[in-house]
PDB file of N, CA and C in Angstrom:
ATOM      1  N   MET A   1       7.154 122.916  85.919  1.00  0.00           N
ATOM      2  CA  MET A   1       7.683 121.809  85.267  1.00  0.00           C
ATOM      3  C   MET A   1       7.392 121.218  86.803  1.00  0.00           C
ATOM      4  N   SER A   2       6.784 120.172  87.310  1.00  0.00           N
ATOM      5  CA  SER A   2       6.544 118.780  88.822  1.00  0.00           C
ATOM      6  C   SER A   2       8.076 118.083  88.237  1.00  0.00           C
ATOM      7  N   LYS A   3       8.393 118.253  89.699  1.00  0.00           N
ATOM      8  CA  LYS A   3       9.474 117.114  90.392  1.00  0.00           C
ATOM      9  C   LYS A   3       8.772 115.768  90.257  1.00  0.00           C
ATOM     10  N   THR A   4       9.410 114.678  90.163  1.00  0.00           N
ATOM     11  CA  THR A   4       8.828 113.260  90.222  1.00  0.00           C
ATOM     12  C   THR A   4       9.617 112.568  91.494  1.00  0.00           C
ATOM     13  N   LYS A   5       9.291 112.386  92.550  1.00  0.00           N
ATOM     14  CA  LYS A   5       9.751 111.601  93.530  1.00  0.00           C
ATOM     15  C   LYS A   5      10.182 110.476  93.164  1.00  0.00           C
ATOM     16  N   ILE A   6      11.267 109.784  93.538  1.00  0.00           N
ATOM     17  CA  ILE A   6      11.490 108.261  93.171  1.00  0.00           C
ATOM     18  C   ILE A   6      11.982 107.861  93.980  1.00  0.00           C
ATOM     19  N   SER A   7      11.555 106.764  94.792  1.00  0.00           N
ATOM     20  CA  SER A   7      12.262 105.782  95.870  1.00  0.00           C
ATOM     21  C   SER A   7      13.215 104.587  95.367  1.00  0.00           C
ATOM     22  N   THR A   8      14.451 104.579  95.946  1.00  0.00           N
ATOM     23  CA  THR A   8      14.597 102.947  95.660  1.00  0.00           C
ATOM     24  C   THR A   8      14.533 102.176  96.601  1.00  0.00           C
ATOM     25  N   LEU A   9      14.663 100.656  95.651  1.00  0.00           N
ATOM     26  CA  LEU A   9      14.074  99.481  96.034  1.00  0.00           C
ATOM     27  C   LEU A   9      15.333  98.784  95.531  1.00  0.00           C
ATOM     28  N   ASN A  10      16.166  98.098  96.813  1.00  0.00           N
ATOM     29  CA  ASN A  10      17.191  97.655  96.590  1.00  0.00           C
ATOM     30  C   ASN A  10      17.104  95.694  97.069  1.00  0.00           C
ATOM     31  N   LEU A  11      16.876  94.900  96.206  1.00  0.00           N
ATOM     32  CA  LEU A  11      16.456  93.818  96.423  1.00  0.00           C
ATOM     33  C   LEU A  11      17.681  92.374  95.733  1.00  0.00           C
ATOM     34  N   ARG A  12      17.320  90.969  96.617  1.00  0.00           N
ATOM     35  CA  ARG A  12      18.217  90.457  96.143  1.00  0.00           C
ATOM     36  C   ARG A  12      17.240  89.406  95.495  1.00  0.00           C
ATOM     37  N   ILE A  13      17.511  89.000  94.327  1.00  0.00           N
ATOM     38  CA  ILE A  13      16.554  87.822  93.372  1.00  0.00           C
ATOM     39  C   ILE A  13      17.655  86.844  92.588  1.00  0.00           C
ATOM     40  N   ASP A  14      16.731  86.020  92.418  1.00  0.00           N
ATOM     41  CA  ASP A  14      17.338  84.755  91.883  1.00  0.00           C
ATOM     42  C   ASP A  14      17.930  84.839  90.280  1.00  0.00           C
ATOM     43  N   PRO A  15      18.727  84.553  89.896  1.00  0.00           N
ATOM     44  CA  PRO A  15      19.573  85.378  89.047  1.00  0.00           C
ATOM     45  C   PRO A  15      18.212  84.848  87.691  1.00  0.00           C
ATOM     46  N   ALA A  16      18.162  83.318  87.559  1.00  0.00           N
ATOM     47  CA  ALA A  16      16.840  83.030  86.628  1.00  0.00           C
ATOM     48  C   ALA A  16      16.196  83.816  86.387  1.00  0.00           C
ATOM     49  N   ILE A  17      14.960  84.238  87.930  1.00  0.00           N
ATOM     50  CA  ILE A  17      14.298  85.735  87.357  1.00  0.00           C
ATOM     51  C   ILE A  17      14.333  86.706  86.892  1.00  0.00           C
ATOM     52  N   LYS A  18      15.953  87.304  87.325  1.00  0.00           N
ATOM     53  CA  LYS A  18      16.449  88.402  86.862  1.00  0.00           C
ATOM     54  C   LYS A  18      16.883  88.192  85.641  1.00  0.00           C
ATOM     55  N   GLU A  19      17.094  87.431  84.962  1.00  0.00           N
ATOM     56  CA  GLU A  19      17.081  87.779  83.427  1.00  0.00           C
ATOM     57  C   GLU A  19      16.052  87.140  82.599  1.00  0.00           C
ATOM     58  N   ALA A  20      14.639  86.487  83.450  1.00  0.00           N
ATOM     59  CA  ALA A  20      13.338  86.488  82.939  1.00  0.00           C
ATOM     60  C   ALA A  20      13.149  88.267  82.751  1.00  0.00           C
ATOM     61  N   VAL A  21      13.404  89.121  83.939  1.00  0.00           N
ATOM     62  CA  VAL A  21      12.566  90.125  83.650  1.00  0.00           C
ATOM     63  C   VAL A  21      13.587  91.050  82.655  1.00  0.00           C
ATOM     64  N   ARG A  22      14.776  91.076  82.634  1.00  0.00           N
ATOM     65  CA  ARG A  22      15.514  91.097  81.213  1.00  0.00           C
ATOM     66  C   ARG A  22      14.817  91.132  80.224  1.00  0.00           C
ATOM     67  N   GLU A  23      14.244  90.063  80.016  1.00  0.00           N
ATOM     68  CA  GLU A  23      13.899  89.355  78.452  1.00  0.00           C
ATOM     69  C   GLU A  23      12.572  90.497  78.350  1.00  0.00           C
ATOM     70  N   ALA A  24      11.729  89.787  79.500  1.00  0.00           N
ATOM     71  CA  ALA A  24      10.260  90.919  79.216  1.00  0.00           C
ATOM     72  C   ALA A  24      10.754  92.193  79.316  1.00  0.00           C
ATOM     73  N   ALA A  25      11.858  92.853  79.542  1.00  0.00           N
ATOM     74  CA  ALA A  25      11.500  94.483  79.519  1.00  0.00           C
ATOM     75  C   ALA A  25      12.249  94.311  77.710  1.00  0.00           C
ATOM     76  N   ALA A  26      12.980  93.823  77.443  1.00  0.00           N
ATOM     77  CA  ALA A  26      13.384  93.717  76.199  1.00  0.00           C
ATOM     78  C   ALA A  26      12.336  93.892  75.104  1.00  0.00           C
ATOM     79  N   ILE A  27      11.348  92.700  75.528  1.00  0.00           N
ATOM     80  CA  ILE A  27      10.882  92.386  74.208  1.00  0.00           C
ATOM     81  C   ILE A  27       9.354  93.799  74.309  1.00  0.00           C
ATOM     82  N   GLU A  28       9.355  94.397  75.835  1.00  0.00           N
ATOM     83  CA  GLU A  28       8.241  95.644  75.423  1.00  0.00           C
ATOM     84  C   GLU A  28       8.981  96.903  75.718  1.00  0.00           C
ATOM     85  N   HIS A  29      10.459  96.588  75.352  1.00  0.00           N
ATOM     86  CA  HIS A  29      11.351  98.102  74.970  1.00  0.00           C
ATOM     87  C   HIS A  29      11.236  98.816  76.235  1.00  0.00           C
ATOM     88  N   ARG A  30      11.343  98.092  77.551  1.00  0.00           N
ATOM     89  CA  ARG A  30      11.667  98.873  78.679  1.00  0.00           C
ATOM     90  C   ARG A  30      12.835  98.294  79.482  1.00  0.00           C
ATOM     91  N   SER A  31      12.996  99.979  80.458  1.00  0.00           N
ATOM     92  CA  SER A  31      14.039  99.505  81.298  1.00  0.00           C
ATOM     93  C   SER A  31      13.416  98.016  82.117  1.00  0.00           C
ATOM     94  N   VAL A  32      14.201  97.470  82.574  1.00  0.00           N
ATOM     95  CA  VAL A  32      14.273  96.669  83.717  1.00  0.00           C
ATOM     96  C   VAL A  32      13.568  97.000  85.309  1.00  0.00           C
ATOM     97  N   ALA A  33      14.125  98.674  85.686  1.00  0.00           N
ATOM     98  CA  ALA A  33      13.369  99.130  86.265  1.00  0.00           C
ATOM     99  C   ALA A  33      12.101  99.236  86.570  1.00  0.00           C
ATOM    100  N   ASN A  34      11.867  99.926  84.766  1.00  0.00           N
ATOM    101  CA  ASN A  34      10.009  99.977  84.840  1.00  0.00           C
ATOM    102  C   ASN A  34       9.471  98.844  84.191  1.00  0.00           C
ATOM    103  N   MET A  35       9.968  97.674  83.940  1.00  0.00           N
ATOM    104  CA  MET A  35       9.375  96.525  83.923  1.00  0.00           C
ATOM    105  C   MET A  35       8.932  96.286  85.135  1.00  0.00           C
ATOM    106  N   VAL A  36       9.584  95.987  86.207  1.00  0.00           N
ATOM    107  CA  VAL A  36       9.426  95.588  87.540  1.00  0.00           C
ATOM    108  C   VAL A  36       8.033  96.902  88.100  1.00  0.00           C
ATOM    109  N   GLU A  37       8.374  97.849  88.187  1.00  0.00           N
ATOM    110  CA  GLU A  37       7.101  98.729  88.481  1.00  0.00           C
ATOM    111  C   GLU A  37       5.649  98.324  87.532  1.00  0.00           C
ATOM    112  N   VAL A  38       6.138  98.113  86.079  1.00  0.00           N
ATOM    113  CA  VAL A  38       4.612  97.561  85.919  1.00  0.00           C
ATOM    114  C   VAL A  38       4.064  95.986  86.082  1.00  0.00           C
ATOM    115  N   LEU A  39       5.033  95.144  86.410  1.00  0.00           N
ATOM    116  CA  LEU A  39       4.853  94.559  86.881  1.00  0.00           C
ATOM    117  C   LEU A  39       4.177  94.168  88.380  1.00  0.00           C
ATOM    118  N   ILE A  40       4.282  94.733  89.579  1.00  0.00           N
ATOM    119  CA  ILE A  40       4.207  95.434  90.627  1.00  0.00           C
ATOM    120  C   ILE A  40       2.838  96.442  90.228  1.00  0.00           C
ATOM    121  N   ARG A  41       2.391  97.245  89.489  1.00  0.00           N
ATOM    122  CA  ARG A  41       1.269  98.053  88.948  1.00  0.00           C
ATOM    123  C   ARG A  41       0.340  96.558  88.464  1.00  0.00           C
ATOM    124  N   ARG A  42       0.530  95.861  87.873  1.00  0.00           N
ATOM    125  CA  ARG A  42      -0.409  94.642  87.293  1.00  0.00           C
ATOM    126  C   ARG A  42      -0.671  93.585  88.885  1.00  0.00           C
ATOM    127  N   HIS A  43      -0.034  93.737  89.257  1.00  0.00           N
ATOM    128  CA  HIS A  43      -0.615  92.763  90.686  1.00  0.00           C
ATOM    129  C   HIS A  43      -1.343  93.385  91.643  1.00  0.00           C
ATOM    130  N   CYS A  44      -0.549  94.440  91.671  1.00  0.00           N
ATOM    131  CA  CYS A  44      -1.819  95.549  92.722  1.00  0.00           C
ATOM    132  C   CYS A  44      -2.959  95.554  92.292  1.00  0.00           C
ATOM    133  N   ASP A  45      -3.069  95.822  90.787  1.00  0.00           N
ATOM    134  CA  ASP A  45      -4.587  95.881  90.706  1.00  0.00           C
ATOM    135  C   ASP A  45      -5.104  94.510  90.463  1.00  0.00           C
ATOM    136  N   GLN A  46      -4.676  93.705  90.255  1.00  0.00           N
ATOM    137  CA  GLN A  46      -5.092  91.906  90.174  1.00  0.00           C
ATOM    138  C   GLN A  46      -5.898  91.776  91.486  1.00  0.00           C
ATOM    139  N   GLN A  47      -4.922  92.341  92.697  1.00  0.00           N
ATOM    140  CA  GLN A  47      -5.558  92.251  93.580  1.00  0.00           C
ATOM    141  C   GLN A  47      -6.384  93.004  94.609  1.00  0.00           C
ATOM    142  N   GLY A  48      -6.559  94.097  93.895  1.00  0.00           N
ATOM    143  CA  GLY A  48      -7.379  95.066  94.538  1.00  0.00           C
ATOM    144  C   GLY A  48      -6.491  96.257  95.461  1.00  0.00           C
ATOM    145  N   ILE A  49      -5.188  96.325  95.261  1.00  0.00           N
ATOM    146  CA  ILE A  49      -4.280  96.939  96.522  1.00  0.00           C
ATOM    147  C   ILE A  49      -4.334  98.418  95.695  1.00  0.00           C
ATOM    148  N   PRO A  50      -5.072  99.200  95.708  1.00  0.00           N
ATOM    149  CA  PRO A  50      -5.129 100.884  94.866  1.00  0.00           C
ATOM    150  C   PRO A  50      -3.923 101.457  95.733  1.00  0.00           C
ATOM    151  N   ILE A  51      -2.744 101.917  94.863  1.00  0.00           N
ATOM    152  CA  ILE A  51      -1.664 102.648  94.142  1.00  0.00           C
ATOM    153  C   ILE A  51      -2.232 104.373  93.678  1.00  0.00           C
ATOM    154  N   PRO A  52      -1.918 105.185  95.384  1.00  0.00           N
ATOM    155  CA  PRO A  52      -2.639 106.897  94.985  1.00  0.00           C
ATOM    156  C   PRO A  52      -1.507 107.131  93.772  1.00  0.00           C
ATOM    157  N   GLU A  53      -1.955 108.420  93.231  1.00  0.00           N
ATOM    158  CA  GLU A  53      -1.210 108.845  92.243  1.00  0.00           C
ATOM    159  C   GLU A  53       0.080 109.835  93.418  1.00  0.00           C
ATOM    160  N   GLN A  54       0.780 109.843  92.753  1.00  0.00           N
ATOM    161  CA  GLN A  54       2.365 110.947  93.690  1.00  0.00           C
ATOM    162  C   GLN A  54       1.367 112.469  93.857  1.00  0.00           C
ATOM    163  N   SER A  55       0.834 112.810  93.051  1.00  0.00           N
ATOM    164  CA  SER A  55       0.281 114.453  93.224  1.00  0.00           C
ATOM    165  C   SER A  55      -0.412 114.406  94.630  1.00  0.00           C
ATOM    166  N   ASP A  56      -1.373 112.835  94.965  1.00  0.00           N
ATOM    167  CA  ASP A  56      -1.862 112.600  96.530  1.00  0.00           C
ATOM    168  C   ASP A  56      -0.849 112.461  97.288  1.00  0.00           C
ATOM    169  N   LEU A  57      -0.105 112.257  97.277  1.00  0.00           N
ATOM    170  CA  LEU A  57       1.358 111.544  98.498  1.00  0.00           C
ATOM    171  C   LEU A  57       2.215 113.085  98.949  1.00  0.00           C
ATOM    172  N   PHE A  58       2.294 113.818  97.442  1.00  0.00           N
ATOM    173  CA  PHE A  58       3.551 114.647  97.936  1.00  0.00           C
ATOM    174  C   PHE A  58       2.357 115.772  97.072  1.00  0.00           C
ATOM    175  N   PRO A  59       1.797 116.643  97.593  1.00  0.00           N
ATOM    176  CA  PRO A  59       1.049 118.229  96.967  1.00  0.00           C
ATOM    177  C   PRO A  59       2.377 118.841  97.331  1.00  0.00           C
ATOM    178  N   ARG A  60       1.727 119.683  95.687  1.00  0.00           N
ATOM    179  CA  ARG A  60       2.630 120.710  95.367  1.00  0.00           C
ATOM    180  C   ARG A  60       2.583 121.852  96.408  1.00  0.00           C
ATOM    181  N   ILE A  61       3.693 122.300  96.830  1.00  0.00           N
ATOM    182  CA  ILE A  61       3.306 123.810  97.532  1.00  0.00           C
ATOM    183  C   ILE A  61       3.446 124.734  96.849  1.00  0.00           C
ATOM    184  N   GLU A  62       3.036 125.706  97.132  1.00  0.00           N
ATOM    185  CA  GLU A  62       2.447 127.060  96.356  1.00  0.00           C
ATOM    186  C   GLU A  62       3.490 128.212  97.182  1.00  0.00           C
ATOM    187  N   HIS A  63       4.611 128.943  96.222  1.00  0.00           N
ATOM    188  CA  HIS A  63       5.000 129.843  96.799  1.00  0.00           C
ATOM    189  C   HIS A  63       4.793 131.190  96.420  1.00  0.00           C
ATOM    190  N   GLY A  64       4.444 132.166  97.635  1.00  0.00           N
ATOM    191  CA  GLY A  64       3.755 133.155  96.600  1.00  0.00           C
ATOM    192  C   GLY A  64       3.775 134.099  97.594  1.00  0.00           C
TER     193      GLY A  64
END
């Protein structure tokens, strides 16, 4: 089983924007964290900013 590396992002945001993200997440049956990730991925895709796969950033080390 592969382990997924997670990074924490703390930010301050306007309460109205936070509520809008909560509503958008609920509509898509997502968590707020997942909705934020989806929005960031969509934006990066639209701007042509590549997001590498975790396996490219953190290759598995074979033990043997």
